[in-house]
mmCIF file of all heavy atoms, coordinates in Angstrom:
data_MODEL
# 
_entry.id   MODEL 
# 
loop_
_atom_site.group_PDB 
_atom_site.id 
_atom_site.type_symbol 
_atom_site.label_atom_id 
_atom_site.label_alt_id 
_atom_site.label_comp_id 
_atom_site.label_asym_id 
_atom_site.label_entity_id 
_atom_site.label_seq_id 
_atom_site.pdbx_PDB_ins_code 
_atom_site.Cartn_x 
_atom_site.Cartn_y 
_atom_site.Cartn_z 
_atom_site.occupancy 
_atom_site.B_iso_or_equiv 
_atom_site.pdbx_formal_charge 
_atom_site.auth_seq_id 
_atom_site.auth_comp_id 
_atom_site.auth_asym_id 
_atom_site.auth_atom_id 
_atom_site.pdbx_PDB_model_num 
ATOM 1   N N   . THR A 1 1  ? 4.874   3.310  -2.837 1.00 0.00 ? 1  THR A N   1 
ATOM 2   C CA  . THR A 1 1  ? 5.537   2.063  -2.445 1.00 0.00 ? 1  THR A CA  1 
ATOM 3   C C   . THR A 1 1  ? 6.989   2.059  -2.880 1.00 0.00 ? 1  THR A C   1 
ATOM 4   O O   . THR A 1 1  ? 7.889   1.721  -2.095 1.00 0.00 ? 1  THR A O   1 
ATOM 5   C CB  . THR A 1 1  ? 4.795   0.856  -3.053 1.00 0.00 ? 1  THR A CB  1 
ATOM 6   O OG1 . THR A 1 1  ? 3.438   0.829  -2.569 1.00 0.00 ? 1  THR A OG1 1 
ATOM 7   C CG2 . THR A 1 1  ? 5.481   -0.447 -2.682 1.00 0.00 ? 1  THR A CG2 1 
ATOM 8   N N   . GLU A 1 2  ? 7.244   2.451  -4.111 1.00 0.00 ? 2  GLU A N   1 
ATOM 9   C CA  . GLU A 1 2  ? 8.619   2.526  -4.606 1.00 0.00 ? 2  GLU A CA  1 
ATOM 10  C C   . GLU A 1 2  ? 9.438   3.509  -3.777 1.00 0.00 ? 2  GLU A C   1 
ATOM 11  O O   . GLU A 1 2  ? 10.622  3.258  -3.471 1.00 0.00 ? 2  GLU A O   1 
ATOM 12  C CB  . GLU A 1 2  ? 8.631   2.944  -6.074 1.00 0.00 ? 2  GLU A CB  1 
ATOM 13  C CG  . GLU A 1 2  ? 10.036  2.999  -6.668 1.00 0.00 ? 2  GLU A CG  1 
ATOM 14  C CD  . GLU A 1 2  ? 10.030  3.524  -8.092 1.00 0.00 ? 2  GLU A CD  1 
ATOM 15  O OE1 . GLU A 1 2  ? 9.329   4.513  -8.365 1.00 0.00 ? 2  GLU A OE1 1 
ATOM 16  O OE2 . GLU A 1 2  ? 10.737  2.940  -8.938 1.00 0.00 ? 2  GLU A OE2 1 
ATOM 17  N N   . GLY A 1 3  ? 8.821   4.615  -3.397 1.00 0.00 ? 3  GLY A N   1 
ATOM 18  C CA  . GLY A 1 3  ? 9.531   5.613  -2.599 1.00 0.00 ? 3  GLY A CA  1 
ATOM 19  C C   . GLY A 1 3  ? 10.022  5.060  -1.278 1.00 0.00 ? 3  GLY A C   1 
ATOM 20  O O   . GLY A 1 3  ? 11.120  5.405  -0.823 1.00 0.00 ? 3  GLY A O   1 
ATOM 21  N N   . VAL A 1 4  ? 9.238   4.196  -0.663 1.00 0.00 ? 4  VAL A N   1 
ATOM 22  C CA  . VAL A 1 4  ? 9.667   3.580  0.588  1.00 0.00 ? 4  VAL A CA  1 
ATOM 23  C C   . VAL A 1 4  ? 10.878  2.674  0.344  1.00 0.00 ? 4  VAL A C   1 
ATOM 24  O O   . VAL A 1 4  ? 11.858  2.709  1.100  1.00 0.00 ? 4  VAL A O   1 
ATOM 25  C CB  . VAL A 1 4  ? 8.520   2.766  1.219  1.00 0.00 ? 4  VAL A CB  1 
ATOM 26  C CG1 . VAL A 1 4  ? 9.026   1.964  2.419  1.00 0.00 ? 4  VAL A CG1 1 
ATOM 27  C CG2 . VAL A 1 4  ? 7.392   3.692  1.648  1.00 0.00 ? 4  VAL A CG2 1 
ATOM 28  N N   . PHE A 1 5  ? 10.837  1.891  -0.705 1.00 0.00 ? 5  PHE A N   1 
ATOM 29  C CA  . PHE A 1 5  ? 11.959  0.991  -1.005 1.00 0.00 ? 5  PHE A CA  1 
ATOM 30  C C   . PHE A 1 5  ? 13.247  1.766  -1.290 1.00 0.00 ? 5  PHE A C   1 
ATOM 31  O O   . PHE A 1 5  ? 14.337  1.321  -0.933 1.00 0.00 ? 5  PHE A O   1 
ATOM 32  C CB  . PHE A 1 5  ? 11.625  0.093  -2.192 1.00 0.00 ? 5  PHE A CB  1 
ATOM 33  C CG  . PHE A 1 5  ? 10.762  -1.080 -1.851 1.00 0.00 ? 5  PHE A CG  1 
ATOM 34  C CD1 . PHE A 1 5  ? 9.462   -1.173 -2.334 1.00 0.00 ? 5  PHE A CD1 1 
ATOM 35  C CD2 . PHE A 1 5  ? 11.235  -2.114 -1.058 1.00 0.00 ? 5  PHE A CD2 1 
ATOM 36  C CE1 . PHE A 1 5  ? 8.659   -2.258 -2.034 1.00 0.00 ? 5  PHE A CE1 1 
ATOM 37  C CE2 . PHE A 1 5  ? 10.445  -3.209 -0.747 1.00 0.00 ? 5  PHE A CE2 1 
ATOM 38  C CZ  . PHE A 1 5  ? 9.147   -3.279 -1.235 1.00 0.00 ? 5  PHE A CZ  1 
ATOM 39  N N   . THR A 1 6  ? 13.129  2.911  -1.937 1.00 0.00 ? 6  THR A N   1 
ATOM 40  C CA  . THR A 1 6  ? 14.330  3.659  -2.324 1.00 0.00 ? 6  THR A CA  1 
ATOM 41  C C   . THR A 1 6  ? 14.883  4.536  -1.210 1.00 0.00 ? 6  THR A C   1 
ATOM 42  O O   . THR A 1 6  ? 16.039  4.948  -1.274 1.00 0.00 ? 6  THR A O   1 
ATOM 43  C CB  . THR A 1 6  ? 14.047  4.537  -3.557 1.00 0.00 ? 6  THR A CB  1 
ATOM 44  O OG1 . THR A 1 6  ? 12.950  5.403  -3.273 1.00 0.00 ? 6  THR A OG1 1 
ATOM 45  C CG2 . THR A 1 6  ? 13.715  3.669  -4.767 1.00 0.00 ? 6  THR A CG2 1 
ATOM 46  N N   . THR A 1 7  ? 14.081  4.818  -0.200 1.00 0.00 ? 7  THR A N   1 
ATOM 47  C CA  . THR A 1 7  ? 14.537  5.724  0.860  1.00 0.00 ? 7  THR A CA  1 
ATOM 48  C C   . THR A 1 7  ? 14.711  5.043  2.211  1.00 0.00 ? 7  THR A C   1 
ATOM 49  O O   . THR A 1 7  ? 15.168  5.679  3.159  1.00 0.00 ? 7  THR A O   1 
ATOM 50  C CB  . THR A 1 7  ? 13.537  6.889  1.034  1.00 0.00 ? 7  THR A CB  1 
ATOM 51  O OG1 . THR A 1 7  ? 12.240  6.366  1.363  1.00 0.00 ? 7  THR A OG1 1 
ATOM 52  C CG2 . THR A 1 7  ? 13.453  7.715  -0.241 1.00 0.00 ? 7  THR A CG2 1 
ATOM 53  N N   . THR A 1 8  ? 14.351  3.778  2.319  1.00 0.00 ? 8  THR A N   1 
ATOM 54  C CA  . THR A 1 8  ? 14.495  3.045  3.578  1.00 0.00 ? 8  THR A CA  1 
ATOM 55  C C   . THR A 1 8  ? 15.126  1.687  3.294  1.00 0.00 ? 8  THR A C   1 
ATOM 56  O O   . THR A 1 8  ? 15.389  1.330  2.140  1.00 0.00 ? 8  THR A O   1 
ATOM 57  C CB  . THR A 1 8  ? 13.133  2.816  4.269  1.00 0.00 ? 8  THR A CB  1 
ATOM 58  O OG1 . THR A 1 8  ? 12.404  1.804  3.562  1.00 0.00 ? 8  THR A OG1 1 
ATOM 59  C CG2 . THR A 1 8  ? 12.322  4.104  4.312  1.00 0.00 ? 8  THR A CG2 1 
ATOM 60  N N   . ALA A 1 9  ? 15.335  0.926  4.348  1.00 0.00 ? 9  ALA A N   1 
ATOM 61  C CA  . ALA A 1 9  ? 15.869  -0.428 4.218  1.00 0.00 ? 9  ALA A CA  1 
ATOM 62  C C   . ALA A 1 9  ? 14.751  -1.464 4.183  1.00 0.00 ? 9  ALA A C   1 
ATOM 63  O O   . ALA A 1 9  ? 14.965  -2.641 4.510  1.00 0.00 ? 9  ALA A O   1 
ATOM 64  C CB  . ALA A 1 9  ? 16.818  -0.727 5.381  1.00 0.00 ? 9  ALA A CB  1 
ATOM 65  N N   . ALA A 1 10 ? 13.565  -1.047 3.757  1.00 0.00 ? 10 ALA A N   1 
ATOM 66  C CA  . ALA A 1 10 ? 12.417  -1.947 3.738  1.00 0.00 ? 10 ALA A CA  1 
ATOM 67  C C   . ALA A 1 10 ? 12.640  -3.105 2.766  1.00 0.00 ? 10 ALA A C   1 
ATOM 68  O O   . ALA A 1 10 ? 13.185  -2.923 1.673  1.00 0.00 ? 10 ALA A O   1 
ATOM 69  C CB  . ALA A 1 10 ? 11.156  -1.185 3.351  1.00 0.00 ? 10 ALA A CB  1 
ATOM 70  N N   . ASP A 1 11 ? 12.193  -4.283 3.167  1.00 0.00 ? 11 ASP A N   1 
ATOM 71  C CA  . ASP A 1 11 ? 12.238  -5.475 2.310  1.00 0.00 ? 11 ASP A CA  1 
ATOM 72  C C   . ASP A 1 11 ? 10.850  -5.891 1.863  1.00 0.00 ? 11 ASP A C   1 
ATOM 73  O O   . ASP A 1 11 ? 10.697  -6.544 0.840  1.00 0.00 ? 11 ASP A O   1 
ATOM 74  C CB  . ASP A 1 11 ? 12.911  -6.626 3.053  1.00 0.00 ? 11 ASP A CB  1 
ATOM 75  C CG  . ASP A 1 11 ? 14.350  -6.318 3.389  1.00 0.00 ? 11 ASP A CG  1 
ATOM 76  O OD1 . ASP A 1 11 ? 15.162  -6.239 2.455  1.00 0.00 ? 11 ASP A OD1 1 
ATOM 77  O OD2 . ASP A 1 11 ? 14.663  -6.128 4.582  1.00 0.00 ? 11 ASP A OD2 1 
ATOM 78  N N   . LEU A 1 12 ? 9.845   -5.538 2.642  1.00 0.00 ? 12 LEU A N   1 
ATOM 79  C CA  . LEU A 1 12 ? 8.452   -5.791 2.287  1.00 0.00 ? 12 LEU A CA  1 
ATOM 80  C C   . LEU A 1 12 ? 7.637   -4.583 2.734  1.00 0.00 ? 12 LEU A C   1 
ATOM 81  O O   . LEU A 1 12 ? 7.749   -4.136 3.873  1.00 0.00 ? 12 LEU A O   1 
ATOM 82  C CB  . LEU A 1 12 ? 7.940   -7.071 2.964  1.00 0.00 ? 12 LEU A CB  1 
ATOM 83  C CG  . LEU A 1 12 ? 6.510   -7.523 2.621  1.00 0.00 ? 12 LEU A CG  1 
ATOM 84  C CD1 . LEU A 1 12 ? 6.395   -9.047 2.715  1.00 0.00 ? 12 LEU A CD1 1 
ATOM 85  C CD2 . LEU A 1 12 ? 5.455   -6.876 3.512  1.00 0.00 ? 12 LEU A CD2 1 
ATOM 86  N N   . VAL A 1 13 ? 6.854   -4.037 1.811  1.00 0.00 ? 13 VAL A N   1 
ATOM 87  C CA  . VAL A 1 13 ? 6.031   -2.863 2.072  1.00 0.00 ? 13 VAL A CA  1 
ATOM 88  C C   . VAL A 1 13 ? 4.573   -3.254 1.861  1.00 0.00 ? 13 VAL A C   1 
ATOM 89  O O   . VAL A 1 13 ? 4.242   -3.988 0.922  1.00 0.00 ? 13 VAL A O   1 
ATOM 90  C CB  . VAL A 1 13 ? 6.408   -1.696 1.136  1.00 0.00 ? 13 VAL A CB  1 
ATOM 91  C CG1 . VAL A 1 13 ? 5.479   -0.508 1.344  1.00 0.00 ? 13 VAL A CG1 1 
ATOM 92  C CG2 . VAL A 1 13 ? 7.863   -1.290 1.359  1.00 0.00 ? 13 VAL A CG2 1 
ATOM 93  N N   . PHE A 1 14 ? 3.707   -2.775 2.734  1.00 0.00 ? 14 PHE A N   1 
ATOM 94  C CA  . PHE A 1 14 ? 2.276   -3.023 2.559  1.00 0.00 ? 14 PHE A CA  1 
ATOM 95  C C   . PHE A 1 14 ? 1.503   -1.799 3.009  1.00 0.00 ? 14 PHE A C   1 
ATOM 96  O O   . PHE A 1 14 ? 2.029   -0.951 3.736  1.00 0.00 ? 14 PHE A O   1 
ATOM 97  C CB  . PHE A 1 14 ? 1.829   -4.272 3.325  1.00 0.00 ? 14 PHE A CB  1 
ATOM 98  C CG  . PHE A 1 14 ? 1.975   -4.173 4.817  1.00 0.00 ? 14 PHE A CG  1 
ATOM 99  C CD1 . PHE A 1 14 ? 0.881   -3.928 5.617  1.00 0.00 ? 14 PHE A CD1 1 
ATOM 100 C CD2 . PHE A 1 14 ? 3.219   -4.339 5.424  1.00 0.00 ? 14 PHE A CD2 1 
ATOM 101 C CE1 . PHE A 1 14 ? 1.008   -3.833 6.998  1.00 0.00 ? 14 PHE A CE1 1 
ATOM 102 C CE2 . PHE A 1 14 ? 3.359   -4.250 6.800  1.00 0.00 ? 14 PHE A CE2 1 
ATOM 103 C CZ  . PHE A 1 14 ? 2.254   -3.996 7.587  1.00 0.00 ? 14 PHE A CZ  1 
ATOM 104 N N   . THR A 1 15 ? 0.264   -1.687 2.567  1.00 0.00 ? 15 THR A N   1 
ATOM 105 C CA  . THR A 1 15 ? -0.527  -0.489 2.817  1.00 0.00 ? 15 THR A CA  1 
ATOM 106 C C   . THR A 1 15 ? -1.866  -0.846 3.446  1.00 0.00 ? 15 THR A C   1 
ATOM 107 O O   . THR A 1 15 ? -2.280  -2.009 3.471  1.00 0.00 ? 15 THR A O   1 
ATOM 108 C CB  . THR A 1 15 ? -0.782  0.289  1.514  1.00 0.00 ? 15 THR A CB  1 
ATOM 109 O OG1 . THR A 1 15 ? -1.903  -0.277 0.826  1.00 0.00 ? 15 THR A OG1 1 
ATOM 110 C CG2 . THR A 1 15 ? 0.431   0.269  0.601  1.00 0.00 ? 15 THR A CG2 1 
ATOM 111 N N   . ASP A 1 16 ? -2.549  0.181  3.897  1.00 0.00 ? 16 ASP A N   1 
ATOM 112 C CA  . ASP A 1 16 ? -3.931  0.032  4.324  1.00 0.00 ? 16 ASP A CA  1 
ATOM 113 C C   . ASP A 1 16 ? -4.815  0.061  3.075  1.00 0.00 ? 16 ASP A C   1 
ATOM 114 O O   . ASP A 1 16 ? -4.350  0.332  1.962  1.00 0.00 ? 16 ASP A O   1 
ATOM 115 C CB  . ASP A 1 16 ? -4.299  1.173  5.285  1.00 0.00 ? 16 ASP A CB  1 
ATOM 116 C CG  . ASP A 1 16 ? -5.494  0.843  6.162  1.00 0.00 ? 16 ASP A CG  1 
ATOM 117 O OD1 . ASP A 1 16 ? -6.141  -0.202 5.943  1.00 0.00 ? 16 ASP A OD1 1 
ATOM 118 O OD2 . ASP A 1 16 ? -5.790  1.641  7.069  1.00 0.00 ? 16 ASP A OD2 1 
ATOM 119 N N   . GLY A 1 17 ? -6.083  -0.234 3.248  1.00 0.00 ? 17 GLY A N   1 
ATOM 120 C CA  . GLY A 1 17 ? -7.017  -0.200 2.142  1.00 0.00 ? 17 GLY A CA  1 
ATOM 121 C C   . GLY A 1 17 ? -8.389  0.251  2.603  1.00 0.00 ? 17 GLY A C   1 
ATOM 122 O O   . GLY A 1 17 ? -8.752  0.099  3.773  1.00 0.00 ? 17 GLY A O   1 
ATOM 123 N N   . GLU A 1 18 ? -9.152  0.802  1.682  1.00 0.00 ? 18 GLU A N   1 
ATOM 124 C CA  . GLU A 1 18 ? -10.534 1.203  1.971  1.00 0.00 ? 18 GLU A CA  1 
ATOM 125 C C   . GLU A 1 18 ? -11.460 0.084  1.527  1.00 0.00 ? 18 GLU A C   1 
ATOM 126 O O   . GLU A 1 18 ? -11.410 -0.347 0.364  1.00 0.00 ? 18 GLU A O   1 
ATOM 127 C CB  . GLU A 1 18 ? -10.884 2.490  1.230  1.00 0.00 ? 18 GLU A CB  1 
ATOM 128 C CG  . GLU A 1 18 ? -12.321 2.933  1.443  1.00 0.00 ? 18 GLU A CG  1 
ATOM 129 C CD  . GLU A 1 18 ? -12.715 4.112  0.564  1.00 0.00 ? 18 GLU A CD  1 
ATOM 130 O OE1 . GLU A 1 18 ? -11.921 4.467  -0.338 1.00 0.00 ? 18 GLU A OE1 1 
ATOM 131 O OE2 . GLU A 1 18 ? -13.805 4.665  0.778  1.00 0.00 ? 18 GLU A OE2 1 
ATOM 132 N N   . LEU A 1 19 ? -12.289 -0.416 2.419  1.00 0.00 ? 19 LEU A N   1 
ATOM 133 C CA  . LEU A 1 19 ? -13.243 -1.451 2.050  1.00 0.00 ? 19 LEU A CA  1 
ATOM 134 C C   . LEU A 1 19 ? -14.403 -0.823 1.288  1.00 0.00 ? 19 LEU A C   1 
ATOM 135 O O   . LEU A 1 19 ? -14.969 0.190  1.715  1.00 0.00 ? 19 LEU A O   1 
ATOM 136 C CB  . LEU A 1 19 ? -13.762 -2.185 3.286  1.00 0.00 ? 19 LEU A CB  1 
ATOM 137 C CG  . LEU A 1 19 ? -12.953 -3.409 3.724  1.00 0.00 ? 19 LEU A CG  1 
ATOM 138 C CD1 . LEU A 1 19 ? -11.544 -2.999 4.149  1.00 0.00 ? 19 LEU A CD1 1 
ATOM 139 C CD2 . LEU A 1 19 ? -13.642 -4.150 4.860  1.00 0.00 ? 19 LEU A CD2 1 
ATOM 140 N N   . VAL A 1 20 ? -14.735 -1.437 0.139  1.00 0.00 ? 20 VAL A N   1 
ATOM 141 C CA  . VAL A 1 20 ? -15.844 -0.951 -0.684 1.00 0.00 ? 20 VAL A CA  1 
ATOM 142 C C   . VAL A 1 20 ? -16.758 -2.119 -1.017 1.00 0.00 ? 20 VAL A C   1 
ATOM 143 O O   . VAL A 1 20 ? -16.356 -3.289 -0.940 1.00 0.00 ? 20 VAL A O   1 
ATOM 144 C CB  . VAL A 1 20 ? -15.339 -0.278 -1.978 1.00 0.00 ? 20 VAL A CB  1 
ATOM 145 C CG1 . VAL A 1 20 ? -14.457 0.921  -1.665 1.00 0.00 ? 20 VAL A CG1 1 
ATOM 146 C CG2 . VAL A 1 20 ? -14.587 -1.275 -2.867 1.00 0.00 ? 20 VAL A CG2 1 
ATOM 147 N N   . ASP A 1 21 ? -17.977 -1.815 -1.406 1.00 0.00 ? 21 ASP A N   1 
ATOM 148 C CA  . ASP A 1 21 ? -18.919 -2.870 -1.775 1.00 0.00 ? 21 ASP A CA  1 
ATOM 149 C C   . ASP A 1 21 ? -18.747 -3.243 -3.245 1.00 0.00 ? 21 ASP A C   1 
ATOM 150 O O   . ASP A 1 21 ? -17.802 -2.786 -3.915 1.00 0.00 ? 21 ASP A O   1 
ATOM 151 C CB  . ASP A 1 21 ? -20.354 -2.462 -1.458 1.00 0.00 ? 21 ASP A CB  1 
ATOM 152 C CG  . ASP A 1 21 ? -20.833 -1.250 -2.262 1.00 0.00 ? 21 ASP A CG  1 
ATOM 153 O OD1 . ASP A 1 21 ? -20.186 -0.894 -3.282 1.00 0.00 ? 21 ASP A OD1 1 
ATOM 154 O OD2 . ASP A 1 21 ? -21.863 -0.648 -1.879 1.00 0.00 ? 21 ASP A OD2 1 
ATOM 155 N N   . GLU A 1 22 ? -19.632 -4.066 -3.747 1.00 0.00 ? 22 GLU A N   1 
ATOM 156 C CA  . GLU A 1 22 ? -19.507 -4.555 -5.121 1.00 0.00 ? 22 GLU A CA  1 
ATOM 157 C C   . GLU A 1 22 ? -19.493 -3.440 -6.144 1.00 0.00 ? 22 GLU A C   1 
ATOM 158 O O   . GLU A 1 22 ? -18.831 -3.544 -7.179 1.00 0.00 ? 22 GLU A O   1 
ATOM 159 C CB  . GLU A 1 22 ? -20.638 -5.547 -5.418 1.00 0.00 ? 22 GLU A CB  1 
ATOM 160 C CG  . GLU A 1 22 ? -20.564 -6.820 -4.594 1.00 0.00 ? 22 GLU A CG  1 
ATOM 161 C CD  . GLU A 1 22 ? -21.497 -7.896 -5.117 1.00 0.00 ? 22 GLU A CD  1 
ATOM 162 O OE1 . GLU A 1 22 ? -22.127 -7.675 -6.178 1.00 0.00 ? 22 GLU A OE1 1 
ATOM 163 O OE2 . GLU A 1 22 ? -21.581 -8.964 -4.488 1.00 0.00 ? 22 GLU A OE2 1 
ATOM 164 N N   . SER A 1 23 ? -20.204 -2.358 -5.860 1.00 0.00 ? 23 SER A N   1 
ATOM 165 C CA  . SER A 1 23 ? -20.269 -1.248 -6.819 1.00 0.00 ? 23 SER A CA  1 
ATOM 166 C C   . SER A 1 23 ? -19.159 -0.235 -6.614 1.00 0.00 ? 23 SER A C   1 
ATOM 167 O O   . SER A 1 23 ? -19.101 0.768  -7.316 1.00 0.00 ? 23 SER A O   1 
ATOM 168 C CB  . SER A 1 23 ? -21.636 -0.554 -6.713 1.00 0.00 ? 23 SER A CB  1 
ATOM 169 O OG  . SER A 1 23 ? -21.799 0.037  -5.433 1.00 0.00 ? 23 SER A OG  1 
ATOM 170 N N   . GLY A 1 24 ? -18.285 -0.495 -5.640 1.00 0.00 ? 24 GLY A N   1 
ATOM 171 C CA  . GLY A 1 24 ? -17.174 0.405  -5.388 1.00 0.00 ? 24 GLY A CA  1 
ATOM 172 C C   . GLY A 1 24 ? -17.469 1.504  -4.387 1.00 0.00 ? 24 GLY A C   1 
ATOM 173 O O   . GLY A 1 24 ? -16.637 2.398  -4.195 1.00 0.00 ? 24 GLY A O   1 
ATOM 174 N N   . GLN A 1 25 ? -18.628 1.438  -3.739 1.00 0.00 ? 25 GLN A N   1 
ATOM 175 C CA  . GLN A 1 25 ? -18.991 2.450  -2.749 1.00 0.00 ? 25 GLN A CA  1 
ATOM 176 C C   . GLN A 1 25 ? -18.342 2.123  -1.405 1.00 0.00 ? 25 GLN A C   1 
ATOM 177 O O   . GLN A 1 25 ? -18.319 0.975  -0.966 1.00 0.00 ? 25 GLN A O   1 
ATOM 178 C CB  . GLN A 1 25 ? -20.510 2.510  -2.585 1.00 0.00 ? 25 GLN A CB  1 
ATOM 179 C CG  . GLN A 1 25 ? -21.245 2.964  -3.836 1.00 0.00 ? 25 GLN A CG  1 
ATOM 180 C CD  . GLN A 1 25 ? -20.819 4.342  -4.291 1.00 0.00 ? 25 GLN A CD  1 
ATOM 181 O OE1 . GLN A 1 25 ? -20.869 5.304  -3.515 1.00 0.00 ? 25 GLN A OE1 1 
ATOM 182 N NE2 . GLN A 1 25 ? -20.396 4.451  -5.546 1.00 0.00 ? 25 GLN A NE2 1 
# 
């Protein structure tokens, strides 16, 4: 995330995520 801010003109950065259950699976 920091790399995007330092190398682009980004003002807000967001990512994808992996959905997991309660136990983290």
